Amino acid sequence: MKRRTAATTLTVDARHRLVGPQVEYCATPNVGGRLVPRWLVMHYTAGSSAASAITTLTTCKPSGNASAHLVLARDGTITQLAPFNVVTWHAGVSQWDGVVGLNNASIGIEIDNAGALSAVGRKYLTWYGREVPAGQVLLAAHRHGGPVRPWHAYTPEQIERCLELAELLVQRYGLQDVLGHDDIARGRKLDPGPAFPLAAIASRALGREDDAPALYVVTSPTLNIRQAPDAAAAPAAPALPRGTRVALLEPGERWSRVEVLAASDVEGWVNNRFIERVAERRAPPRKRAVKRVRKTTRRAGTAARPAR
């Protein structure tokens, strides 16, 4: 299949450095040896700004040093801290596909975002006490489980840059997948969180956007389809009767996001115990890749509804 790529103004030069508009370089001393990357891992900084993240990731301490290849600010500015062929220390205790320790096998991008927030009265606060405007808050449950809670939203500039970076780096280094820190450090990390459209960006970067999704059928008498991967989440639509066919959009360990084929534009999360795969596959979905990325970003799990 021929891969469609977004218009890009970014390139990687012979020194494995990013070149393009709004790209800066600030070398970190916190690096390892030579890297042959297999994966791209997305993180949020959980800090107050891109500048503070850069300071942290370029400071050499007696212990507990961290780094990443890129830091992405909220206005779309990218700061590279190390060449893409050098190990950085962003993954921590991690494993994926039989590999233990993803620092030695992945490129890490840190995105300026406060992550999970706390609701205090009518306010939404970061862990360090800063109030986040309600317009920058999404209420969602994490795809690996947990209650609906507030999360800091990513900016459109960050989403567009992540899509551009993912496509560029997958093509340049032959990367196998685009992952979240929460994928490789299950139970320990939550980033990049439900406000980030990881599945849509990965599908676009890996050329999967034209793949026909797998079909499933509802096996229970009725099945609730919810706005987030949690039994306490609000319904996304009326309960689905037995035999309803759905297309798998985003698989998960306990919950999966699906599209209801018999309805117009109905999507939501269902419990995997009550659906069963069928052999038939349908034509590619009518929504194209970029629209899917933007739509997922708006939702952050409608599950991703804006806070009020």
C-alpha atoms as a PDB file:
ATOM      1  CA  MET A   1       0.000   0.000   0.000  1.00  0.00           C
ATOM      2  CA  LYS A   2       1.334   3.424  -0.877  1.00  0.00           C
ATOM      3  CA  ARG A   3       1.640   5.579   2.214  1.00  0.00           C
ATOM      4  CA  ARG A   4       0.177   9.052   2.182  1.00  0.00           C
ATOM      5  CA  THR A   5       2.200  11.587   4.135  1.00  0.00           C
ATOM      6  CA  ALA A   6       1.280  14.990   5.423  1.00  0.00           C
ATOM      7  CA  ALA A   7       2.917  18.037   3.938  1.00  0.00           C
ATOM      8  CA  THR A   8       6.067  18.442   5.970  1.00  0.00           C
ATOM      9  CA  THR A   9       8.634  21.151   6.491  1.00  0.00           C
ATOM     10  CA  LEU A  10      10.774  19.031   8.822  1.00  0.00           C
ATOM     11  CA  THR A  11      13.726  16.876   7.788  1.00  0.00           C
ATOM     12  CA  VAL A  12      16.486  14.925   9.544  1.00  0.00           C
ATOM     13  CA  ASP A  13      20.040  15.755   8.503  1.00  0.00           C
ATOM     14  CA  ALA A  14      23.122  13.539   8.285  1.00  0.00           C
ATOM     15  CA  ARG A  15      23.925  14.228  11.952  1.00  0.00           C
ATOM     16  CA  HIS A  16      20.496  12.882  12.969  1.00  0.00           C
ATOM     17  CA  ARG A  17      19.324  16.341  13.895  1.00  0.00           C
ATOM     18  CA  LEU A  18      15.929  17.805  13.101  1.00  0.00           C
ATOM     19  CA  VAL A  19      15.879  20.682  10.627  1.00  0.00           C
ATOM     20  CA  GLY A  20      12.960  23.032  10.021  1.00  0.00           C
ATOM     21  CA  PRO A  21      11.014  26.044  11.290  1.00  0.00           C
ATOM     22  CA  GLN A  22      10.580  26.472  15.055  1.00  0.00           C
ATOM     23  CA  VAL A  23      13.331  23.926  15.710  1.00  0.00           C
ATOM     24  CA  GLU A  24      16.045  24.622  18.277  1.00  0.00           C
ATOM     25  CA  TYR A  25      18.907  22.560  19.679  1.00  0.00           C
ATOM     26  CA  CYS A  26      20.045  22.389  23.302  1.00  0.00           C
ATOM     27  CA  ALA A  27      22.405  19.491  23.995  1.00  0.00           C
ATOM     28  CA  THR A  28      21.854  17.358  27.080  1.00  0.00           C
ATOM     29  CA  PRO A  29      24.706  15.601  28.887  1.00  0.00           C
ATOM     30  CA  ASN A  30      22.307  12.843  29.937  1.00  0.00           C
ATOM     31  CA  VAL A  31      22.879  10.391  27.101  1.00  0.00           C
ATOM     32  CA  GLY A  32      24.044   6.850  26.535  1.00  0.00           C
ATOM     33  CA  GLY A  33      25.596   5.044  23.598  1.00  0.00           C
ATOM     34  CA  ARG A  34      24.577   4.475  20.003  1.00  0.00           C
ATOM     35  CA  LEU A  35      20.869   4.020  19.335  1.00  0.00           C
ATOM     36  CA  VAL A  36      19.197   2.026  16.571  1.00  0.00           C
ATOM     37  CA  PRO A  37      15.578   2.975  17.306  1.00  0.00           C
ATOM     38  CA  ARG A  38      12.654   0.592  16.847  1.00  0.00           C
ATOM     39  CA  TRP A  39       9.859   2.631  18.411  1.00  0.00           C
ATOM     40  CA  LEU A  40       8.720   6.199  19.016  1.00  0.00           C
ATOM     41  CA  VAL A  41       7.478   6.883  22.556  1.00  0.00           C
ATOM     42  CA  MET A  42       5.249   9.850  23.449  1.00  0.00           C
ATOM     43  CA  HIS A  43       5.301  11.449  26.909  1.00  0.00           C
ATOM     44  CA  TYR A  44       3.826  14.453  28.641  1.00  0.00           C
ATOM     45  CA  THR A  45       6.163  16.535  30.785  1.00  0.00           C
ATOM     46  CA  ALA A  46       3.758  16.992  33.747  1.00  0.00           C
ATOM     47  CA  GLY A  47       5.575  20.265  34.361  1.00  0.00           C
ATOM     48  CA  SER A  48       4.926  23.982  34.263  1.00  0.00           C
ATOM     49  CA  SER A  49       6.480  24.786  30.860  1.00  0.00           C
ATOM     50  CA  ALA A  50       8.632  23.518  28.041  1.00  0.00           C
ATOM     51  CA  ALA A  51      11.482  25.679  29.357  1.00  0.00           C
ATOM     52  CA  SER A  52      11.363  24.024  32.777  1.00  0.00           C
ATOM     53  CA  ALA A  53      11.312  20.582  31.130  1.00  0.00           C
ATOM     54  CA  ILE A  54      14.355  21.464  29.020  1.00  0.00           C
ATOM     55  CA  THR A  55      16.206  22.652  32.124  1.00  0.00           C
ATOM     56  CA  THR A  56      15.407  19.419  33.962  1.00  0.00           C
ATOM     57  CA  LEU A  57      16.339  17.193  31.029  1.00  0.00           C
ATOM     58  CA  THR A  58      19.654  18.960  30.395  1.00  0.00           C
ATOM     59  CA  THR A  59      20.803  19.067  34.037  1.00  0.00           C
ATOM     60  CA  CYS A  60      23.262  16.440  35.196  1.00  0.00           C
ATOM     61  CA  LYS A  61      22.646  15.492  38.829  1.00  0.00           C
ATOM     62  CA  PRO A  62      24.388  12.978  41.100  1.00  0.00           C
ATOM     63  CA  SER A  63      21.524  10.540  40.418  1.00  0.00           C
ATOM     64  CA  GLY A  64      18.097  10.308  38.819  1.00  0.00           C
ATOM     65  CA  ASN A  65      19.040  11.972  35.555  1.00  0.00           C
ATOM     66  CA  ALA A  66      16.532  12.011  32.699  1.00  0.00           C
ATOM     67  CA  SER A  67      16.491  13.201  29.112  1.00  0.00           C
ATOM     68  CA  ALA A  68      14.634  12.820  25.821  1.00  0.00           C
ATOM     69  CA  HIS A  69      15.308  13.476  22.173  1.00  0.00           C
ATOM     70  CA  LEU A  70      12.725  16.238  21.733  1.00  0.00           C
ATOM     71  CA  VAL A  71      10.680  18.645  23.844  1.00  0.00           C
ATOM     72  CA  LEU A  72       7.552  20.037  22.174  1.00  0.00           C
ATOM     73  CA  ALA A  73       6.230  23.378  23.498  1.00  0.00           C
ATOM     74  CA  ARG A  74       2.574  24.383  23.457  1.00  0.00           C
ATOM     75  CA  ASP A  75       3.145  26.784  20.542  1.00  0.00           C
ATOM     76  CA  GLY A  76       4.677  23.998  18.430  1.00  0.00           C
ATOM     77  CA  THR A  77       8.325  24.926  19.002  1.00  0.00           C
ATOM     78  CA  ILE A  78      10.574  21.851  19.076  1.00  0.00           C
ATOM     79  CA  THR A  79      13.804  21.696  21.060  1.00  0.00           C
ATOM     80  CA  GLN A  80      16.086  18.772  20.273  1.00  0.00           C
ATOM     81  CA  LEU A  81      18.280  17.602  23.137  1.00  0.00           C
ATOM     82  CA  ALA A  82      20.149  14.724  21.489  1.00  0.00           C
ATOM     83  CA  PRO A  83      20.623  13.233  18.014  1.00  0.00           C
ATOM     84  CA  PHE A  84      18.187  10.470  17.096  1.00  0.00           C
ATOM     85  CA  ASN A  85      21.005   7.900  16.939  1.00  0.00           C
ATOM     86  CA  VAL A  86      21.997   8.444  20.589  1.00  0.00           C
ATOM     87  CA  VAL A  87      20.329   6.835  23.619  1.00  0.00           C
ATOM     88  CA  THR A  88      18.400   9.168  25.925  1.00  0.00           C
ATOM     89  CA  TRP A  89      16.873   8.353  29.302  1.00  0.00           C
ATOM     90  CA  HIS A  90      13.136   8.839  28.909  1.00  0.00           C
ATOM     91  CA  ALA A  91      11.558   5.402  29.332  1.00  0.00           C
ATOM     92  CA  GLY A  92      12.703   4.293  32.781  1.00  0.00           C
ATOM     93  CA  VAL A  93      11.623   0.809  33.859  1.00  0.00           C
ATOM     94  CA  SER A  94       9.849  -0.372  30.732  1.00  0.00           C
ATOM     95  CA  GLN A  95       9.215  -3.255  28.376  1.00  0.00           C
ATOM     96  CA  TRP A  96       7.539  -3.891  25.050  1.00  0.00           C
ATOM     97  CA  ASP A  97       7.364  -6.829  22.666  1.00  0.00           C
ATOM     98  CA  GLY A  98       9.941  -8.815  24.607  1.00  0.00           C
ATOM     99  CA  VAL A  99      12.383  -5.929  24.952  1.00  0.00           C
ATOM    100  CA  VAL A 100      13.187  -4.781  28.495  1.00  0.00           C
ATOM    101  CA  GLY A 101      14.441  -1.217  28.867  1.00  0.00           C
ATOM    102  CA  LEU A 102      13.112   0.934  26.026  1.00  0.00           C
ATOM    103  CA  ASN A 103      15.756   3.646  26.414  1.00  0.00           C
ATOM    104  CA  ASN A 104      17.994   1.494  24.239  1.00  0.00           C
ATOM    105  CA  ALA A 105      15.381   0.975  21.532  1.00  0.00           C
ATOM    106  CA  SER A 106      13.282   4.127  21.188  1.00  0.00           C
ATOM    107  CA  ILE A 107      13.107   7.821  20.388  1.00  0.00           C
ATOM    108  CA  GLY A 108      11.403   9.849  23.125  1.00  0.00           C
ATOM    109  CA  ILE A 109       9.290  12.982  22.686  1.00  0.00           C
ATOM    110  CA  GLU A 110       8.298  15.029  25.736  1.00  0.00           C
ATOM    111  CA  ILE A 111       5.205  17.197  25.131  1.00  0.00           C
ATOM    112  CA  ASP A 112       4.591  20.225  27.349  1.00  0.00           C
ATOM    113  CA  ASN A 113       1.392  19.236  29.152  1.00  0.00           C
ATOM    114  CA  ALA A 114       0.448  19.132  32.834  1.00  0.00           C
ATOM    115  CA  GLY A 115      -1.223  15.716  32.548  1.00  0.00           C
ATOM    116  CA  ALA A 116      -3.831  14.615  35.080  1.00  0.00           C
ATOM    117  CA  LEU A 117      -5.483  17.442  37.018  1.00  0.00           C
ATOM    118  CA  SER A 118      -7.409  17.732  40.271  1.00  0.00           C
ATOM    119  CA  ALA A 119     -10.908  19.190  40.474  1.00  0.00           C
ATOM    120  CA  VAL A 120     -11.146  21.540  43.466  1.00  0.00           C
ATOM    121  CA  GLY A 121     -14.578  23.092  43.596  1.00  0.00           C
ATOM    122  CA  ARG A 122     -15.056  24.751  40.219  1.00  0.00           C
ATOM    123  CA  LYS A 123     -11.333  24.926  39.568  1.00  0.00           C
ATOM    124  CA  TYR A 124      -8.920  22.523  37.875  1.00  0.00           C
ATOM    125  CA  LEU A 125      -5.444  22.450  39.368  1.00  0.00           C
ATOM    126  CA  THR A 126      -2.130  20.908  38.347  1.00  0.00           C
ATOM    127  CA  TRP A 127      -0.167  18.871  40.850  1.00  0.00           C
ATOM    128  CA  TYR A 128       1.981  21.958  41.467  1.00  0.00           C
ATOM    129  CA  GLY A 129      -1.043  24.157  42.229  1.00  0.00           C
ATOM    130  CA  ARG A 130      -1.534  26.148  39.019  1.00  0.00           C
ATOM    131  CA  GLU A 131      -5.111  26.649  37.839  1.00  0.00           C
ATOM    132  CA  VAL A 132      -5.883  25.474  34.298  1.00  0.00           C
ATOM    133  CA  PRO A 133      -8.716  27.291  32.470  1.00  0.00           C
ATOM    134  CA  ALA A 134     -11.797  25.132  31.908  1.00  0.00           C
ATOM    135  CA  GLY A 135     -11.384  25.564  28.156  1.00  0.00           C
ATOM    136  CA  GLN A 136      -8.083  23.677  28.362  1.00  0.00           C
ATOM    137  CA  VAL A 137      -9.518  20.763  30.352  1.00  0.00           C
ATOM    138  CA  LEU A 138     -10.919  17.467  29.093  1.00  0.00           C
ATOM    139  CA  LEU A 139     -12.848  15.002  31.245  1.00  0.00           C
ATOM    140  CA  ALA A 140     -11.897  11.456  30.360  1.00  0.00           C
ATOM    141  CA  ALA A 141     -11.056   7.999  31.648  1.00  0.00           C
ATOM    142  CA  HIS A 142      -7.665   6.503  30.854  1.00  0.00           C
ATOM    143  CA  ARG A 143      -7.747   3.748  28.229  1.00  0.00           C
ATOM    144  CA  HIS A 144      -6.059   1.351  30.659  1.00  0.00           C
ATOM    145  CA  GLY A 145      -8.786   1.893  33.236  1.00  0.00           C
ATOM    146  CA  GLY A 146      -9.725   4.231  36.055  1.00  0.00           C
ATOM    147  CA  PRO A 147     -12.434   6.845  36.627  1.00  0.00           C
ATOM    148  CA  VAL A 148     -13.322   9.845  34.503  1.00  0.00           C
ATOM    149  CA  ARG A 149     -11.126  12.717  35.647  1.00  0.00           C
ATOM    150  CA  PRO A 150      -9.805  16.055  34.304  1.00  0.00           C
ATOM    151  CA  TRP A 151      -6.777  16.153  32.008  1.00  0.00           C
ATOM    152  CA  HIS A 152      -4.834  19.029  30.494  1.00  0.00           C
ATOM    153  CA  ALA A 153      -5.665  19.342  26.784  1.00  0.00           C
ATOM    154  CA  TYR A 154      -2.968  19.445  24.116  1.00  0.00           C
ATOM    155  CA  THR A 155      -2.897  22.385  21.718  1.00  0.00           C
ATOM    156  CA  PRO A 156      -3.720  22.024  18.004  1.00  0.00           C
ATOM    157  CA  GLU A 157      -0.122  23.067  17.247  1.00  0.00           C
ATOM    158  CA  GLN A 158       1.203  20.195  19.353  1.00  0.00           C
ATOM    159  CA  ILE A 159      -1.084  17.630  17.699  1.00  0.00           C
ATOM    160  CA  GLU A 160      -0.104  18.771  14.200  1.00  0.00           C
ATOM    161  CA  ARG A 161       3.600  18.707  15.101  1.00  0.00           C
ATOM    162  CA  CYS A 162       3.312  15.233  16.658  1.00  0.00           C
ATOM    163  CA  LEU A 163       1.661  13.930  13.510  1.00  0.00           C
ATOM    164  CA  GLU A 164       4.386  15.478  11.356  1.00  0.00           C
ATOM    165  CA  LEU A 165       7.161  14.159  13.618  1.00  0.00           C
ATOM    166  CA  ALA A 166       5.694  10.672  13.812  1.00  0.00           C
ATOM    167  CA  GLU A 167       5.423  10.379  10.033  1.00  0.00           C
ATOM    168  CA  LEU A 168       8.926  11.738   9.509  1.00  0.00           C
ATOM    169  CA  LEU A 169      10.639   9.550  12.121  1.00  0.00           C
ATOM    170  CA  VAL A 170       8.776   6.362  11.187  1.00  0.00           C
ATOM    171  CA  GLN A 171       9.835   6.828   7.577  1.00  0.00           C
ATOM    172  CA  ARG A 172      13.408   7.934   8.346  1.00  0.00           C
ATOM    173  CA  TYR A 173      14.223   5.174  10.843  1.00  0.00           C
ATOM    174  CA  GLY A 174      11.798   2.412   9.863  1.00  0.00           C
ATOM    175  CA  LEU A 175      10.138   2.486  13.280  1.00  0.00           C
ATOM    176  CA  GLN A 176       7.774  -0.361  14.123  1.00  0.00           C
ATOM    177  CA  ASP A 177       5.184   1.560  16.151  1.00  0.00           C
ATOM    178  CA  VAL A 178       4.262   4.767  17.940  1.00  0.00           C
ATOM    179  CA  LEU A 179       3.676   4.099  21.641  1.00  0.00           C
ATOM    180  CA  GLY A 180       2.756   5.903  24.825  1.00  0.00           C
ATOM    181  CA  HIS A 181       4.805   5.848  27.996  1.00  0.00           C
ATOM    182  CA  ASP A 182       1.716   4.217  29.504  1.00  0.00           C
ATOM    183  CA  ASP A 183       2.088   1.327  27.020  1.00  0.00           C
ATOM    184  CA  ILE A 184       5.670   0.482  27.928  1.00  0.00           C
ATOM    185  CA  ALA A 185       5.336   1.170  31.681  1.00  0.00           C
ATOM    186  CA  ARG A 186       1.843  -0.183  32.412  1.00  0.00           C
ATOM    187  CA  GLY A 187       0.633   0.593  35.904  1.00  0.00           C
ATOM    188  CA  ARG A 188       3.516   3.015  36.504  1.00  0.00           C
ATOM    189  CA  LYS A 189       2.893   5.787  33.984  1.00  0.00           C
ATOM    190  CA  LEU A 190      -0.217   7.491  32.565  1.00  0.00           C
ATOM    191  CA  ASP A 191       1.287   9.677  29.843  1.00  0.00           C
ATOM    192  CA  PRO A 192       0.514  10.875  27.274  1.00  0.00           C
ATOM    193  CA  GLY A 193      -3.021  10.275  28.619  1.00  0.00           C
ATOM    194  CA  PRO A 194      -6.486  10.244  27.035  1.00  0.00           C
ATOM    195  CA  ALA A 195      -6.298  13.848  25.792  1.00  0.00           C
ATOM    196  CA  PHE A 196      -3.683  12.734  23.255  1.00  0.00           C
ATOM    197  CA  PRO A 197      -4.897  10.969  20.055  1.00  0.00           C
ATOM    198  CA  LEU A 198      -2.167   8.312  20.129  1.00  0.00           C
ATOM    199  CA  ALA A 199      -3.993   5.626  18.153  1.00  0.00           C
ATOM    200  CA  ALA A 200      -4.938   8.012  15.358  1.00  0.00           C
ATOM    201  CA  ILE A 201      -1.429   9.445  15.070  1.00  0.00           C
ATOM    202  CA  ALA A 202       0.126   5.964  15.093  1.00  0.00           C
ATOM    203  CA  SER A 203      -2.266   4.757  12.391  1.00  0.00           C
ATOM    204  CA  ARG A 204      -1.471   7.706  10.166  1.00  0.00           C
ATOM    205  CA  ALA A 205       2.287   7.502  10.709  1.00  0.00           C
ATOM    206  CA  LEU A 206       2.412   3.768  10.041  1.00  0.00           C
ATOM    207  CA  GLY A 207       0.203   3.932   6.952  1.00  0.00           C
ATOM    208  CA  ARG A 208      -2.676   2.059   8.566  1.00  0.00           C
ATOM    209  CA  GLU A 209      -5.324   4.666   7.873  1.00  0.00           C
ATOM    210  CA  ASP A 210      -6.693   2.768   4.862  1.00  0.00           C
ATOM    211  CA  ASP A 211      -6.858  -0.613   6.611  1.00  0.00           C
ATOM    212  CA  ALA A 212     -10.350  -2.009   7.004  1.00  0.00           C
ATOM    213  CA  PRO A 213     -11.089  -2.390  10.730  1.00  0.00           C
ATOM    214  CA  ALA A 214     -11.929  -5.782  12.200  1.00  0.00           C
ATOM    215  CA  LEU A 215     -15.612  -6.531  12.657  1.00  0.00           C
ATOM    216  CA  TYR A 216     -17.136  -7.702  15.938  1.00  0.00           C
ATOM    217  CA  VAL A 217     -20.644  -8.700  16.991  1.00  0.00           C
ATOM    218  CA  VAL A 218     -22.387  -8.125  20.322  1.00  0.00           C
ATOM    219  CA  THR A 219     -22.904 -11.463  22.116  1.00  0.00           C
ATOM    220  CA  SER A 220     -24.827 -10.387  25.247  1.00  0.00           C
ATOM    221  CA  PRO A 221     -28.580  -9.612  25.250  1.00  0.00           C
ATOM    222  CA  THR A 222     -27.712  -5.908  25.486  1.00  0.00           C
ATOM    223  CA  LEU A 223     -24.392  -4.103  25.714  1.00  0.00           C
ATOM    224  CA  ASN A 224     -23.778  -0.593  27.043  1.00  0.00           C
ATOM    225  CA  ILE A 225     -21.649   1.602  24.828  1.00  0.00           C
ATOM    226  CA  ARG A 226     -19.979   4.273  26.932  1.00  0.00           C
ATOM    227  CA  GLN A 227     -18.190   7.581  26.501  1.00  0.00           C
ATOM    228  CA  ALA A 228     -15.050   6.290  28.226  1.00  0.00           C
ATOM    229  CA  PRO A 229     -13.459   2.903  29.021  1.00  0.00           C
ATOM    230  CA  ASP A 230     -15.100   2.666  32.434  1.00  0.00           C
ATOM    231  CA  ALA A 231     -18.326   1.087  33.726  1.00  0.00           C
ATOM    232  CA  ALA A 232     -19.193   4.353  35.481  1.00  0.00           C
ATOM    233  CA  ALA A 233     -18.883   6.467  32.322  1.00  0.00           C
ATOM    234  CA  ALA A 234     -21.972   7.982  30.739  1.00  0.00           C
ATOM    235  CA  PRO A 235     -23.630   6.158  27.812  1.00  0.00           C
ATOM    236  CA  ALA A 236     -22.555   7.215  24.334  1.00  0.00           C
ATOM    237  CA  ALA A 237     -25.798   5.871  22.827  1.00  0.00           C
ATOM    238  CA  PRO A 238     -28.640   3.505  23.754  1.00  0.00           C
ATOM    239  CA  ALA A 239     -27.574  -0.032  24.680  1.00  0.00           C
ATOM    240  CA  LEU A 240     -26.704  -2.250  21.712  1.00  0.00           C
ATOM    241  CA  PRO A 241     -28.857  -5.381  21.226  1.00  0.00           C
ATOM    242  CA  ARG A 242     -27.385  -8.839  20.612  1.00  0.00           C
ATOM    243  CA  GLY A 243     -26.132  -9.232  17.060  1.00  0.00           C
ATOM    244  CA  THR A 244     -25.182  -5.579  16.543  1.00  0.00           C
ATOM    245  CA  ARG A 245     -22.072  -5.306  14.416  1.00  0.00           C
ATOM    246  CA  VAL A 246     -19.309  -2.920  15.352  1.00  0.00           C
ATOM    247  CA  ALA A 247     -15.969  -1.989  13.790  1.00  0.00           C
ATOM    248  CA  LEU A 248     -12.932  -1.991  16.070  1.00  0.00           C
ATOM    249  CA  LEU A 249     -11.276   1.440  16.171  1.00  0.00           C
ATOM    250  CA  GLU A 250      -9.003   1.229  19.214  1.00  0.00           C
ATOM    251  CA  PRO A 251      -8.367  -2.103  20.990  1.00  0.00           C
ATOM    252  CA  GLY A 252      -7.669  -2.250  24.708  1.00  0.00           C
ATOM    253  CA  GLU A 253      -7.048  -4.887  27.336  1.00  0.00           C
ATOM    254  CA  ARG A 254     -10.523  -4.648  28.921  1.00  0.00           C
ATOM    255  CA  TRP A 255     -12.347  -2.017  26.868  1.00  0.00           C
ATOM    256  CA  SER A 256     -12.240  -1.189  23.159  1.00  0.00           C
ATOM    257  CA  ARG A 257     -13.450   1.797  21.180  1.00  0.00           C
ATOM    258  CA  VAL A 258     -15.819   0.806  18.396  1.00  0.00           C
ATOM    259  CA  GLU A 259     -18.017   2.288  15.683  1.00  0.00           C
ATOM    260  CA  VAL A 260     -21.586   0.997  15.421  1.00  0.00           C
ATOM    261  CA  LEU A 261     -22.196  -0.021  11.812  1.00  0.00           C
ATOM    262  CA  ALA A 262     -25.974   0.206  11.929  1.00  0.00           C
ATOM    263  CA  ALA A 263     -25.949   3.799  13.187  1.00  0.00           C
ATOM    264  CA  SER A 264     -24.681   7.056  11.785  1.00  0.00           C
ATOM    265  CA  ASP A 265     -21.471   8.281  13.402  1.00  0.00           C
ATOM    266  CA  VAL A 266     -21.977   6.478  16.728  1.00  0.00           C
ATOM    267  CA  GLU A 267     -18.739   5.590  18.492  1.00  0.00           C
ATOM    268  CA  GLY A 268     -17.969   4.579  22.050  1.00  0.00           C
ATOM    269  CA  TRP A 269     -16.325   2.100  24.393  1.00  0.00           C
ATOM    270  CA  VAL A 270     -17.554  -1.441  25.053  1.00  0.00           C
ATOM    271  CA  ASN A 271     -16.386  -4.212  27.373  1.00  0.00           C
ATOM    272  CA  ASN A 272     -14.397  -6.830  25.455  1.00  0.00           C
ATOM    273  CA  ARG A 273     -16.135  -9.712  27.227  1.00  0.00           C
ATOM    274  CA  PHE A 274     -19.354  -9.063  25.338  1.00  0.00           C
ATOM    275  CA  ILE A 275     -18.148  -8.827  21.749  1.00  0.00           C
ATOM    276  CA  GLU A 276     -16.820 -11.543  19.445  1.00  0.00           C
ATOM    277  CA  ARG A 277     -14.868 -11.190  16.240  1.00  0.00           C
ATOM    278  CA  VAL A 278     -16.433 -12.199  12.934  1.00  0.00           C
ATOM    279  CA  ALA A 279     -14.552 -13.151   9.785  1.00  0.00           C
ATOM    280  CA  GLU A 280     -15.983 -10.509   7.465  1.00  0.00           C
ATOM    281  CA  ARG A 281     -14.157  -7.216   7.007  1.00  0.00           C
ATOM    282  CA  ARG A 282     -15.728  -4.074   5.682  1.00  0.00           C
ATOM    283  CA  ALA A 283     -14.494  -1.317   3.443  1.00  0.00           C
ATOM    284  CA  PRO A 284     -12.324   1.419   4.952  1.00  0.00           C
ATOM    285  CA  PRO A 285     -14.231   3.836   7.212  1.00  0.00           C
ATOM    286  CA  ARG A 286     -15.554   6.985   5.614  1.00  0.00           C
ATOM    287  CA  LYS A 287     -13.506   9.275   7.909  1.00  0.00           C
ATOM    288  CA  ARG A 288      -9.986   9.863   6.691  1.00  0.00           C
ATOM    289  CA  ALA A 289      -6.861   9.897   8.803  1.00  0.00           C
ATOM    290  CA  VAL A 290      -6.415  13.588   9.522  1.00  0.00           C
ATOM    291  CA  LYS A 291     -10.090  14.003  10.335  1.00  0.00           C
ATOM    292  CA  ARG A 292      -9.833  11.037  12.679  1.00  0.00           C
ATOM    293  CA  VAL A 293      -6.860  12.632  14.453  1.00  0.00           C
ATOM    294  CA  ARG A 294      -8.701  15.920  14.923  1.00  0.00           C
ATOM    295  CA  LYS A 295     -11.934  14.215  15.962  1.00  0.00           C
ATOM    296  CA  THR A 296     -10.138  12.098  18.562  1.00  0.00           C
ATOM    297  CA  THR A 297      -8.397  15.192  19.869  1.00  0.00           C
ATOM    298  CA  ARG A 298     -11.711  16.971  20.366  1.00  0.00           C
ATOM    299  CA  ARG A 299     -13.077  14.053  22.328  1.00  0.00           C
ATOM    300  CA  ALA A 300     -10.329  12.950  24.666  1.00  0.00           C
ATOM    301  CA  GLY A 301     -12.691  10.239  25.505  1.00  0.00           C
ATOM    302  CA  THR A 302     -16.261  11.923  25.331  1.00  0.00           C
ATOM    303  CA  ALA A 303     -14.569  10.425  27.199  1.00  0.00           C
ATOM    304  CA  ALA A 304     -13.099  13.659  25.980  1.00  0.00           C
ATOM    305  CA  ARG A 305     -15.711  16.248  26.736  1.00  0.00           C
ATOM    306  CA  PRO A 306     -14.625  19.787  27.607  1.00  0.00           C
ATOM    307  CA  ALA A 307     -14.990  20.728  31.263  1.00  0.00           C
ATOM    308  CA  ARG A 308     -17.643  23.275  32.096  1.00  0.00           C
END
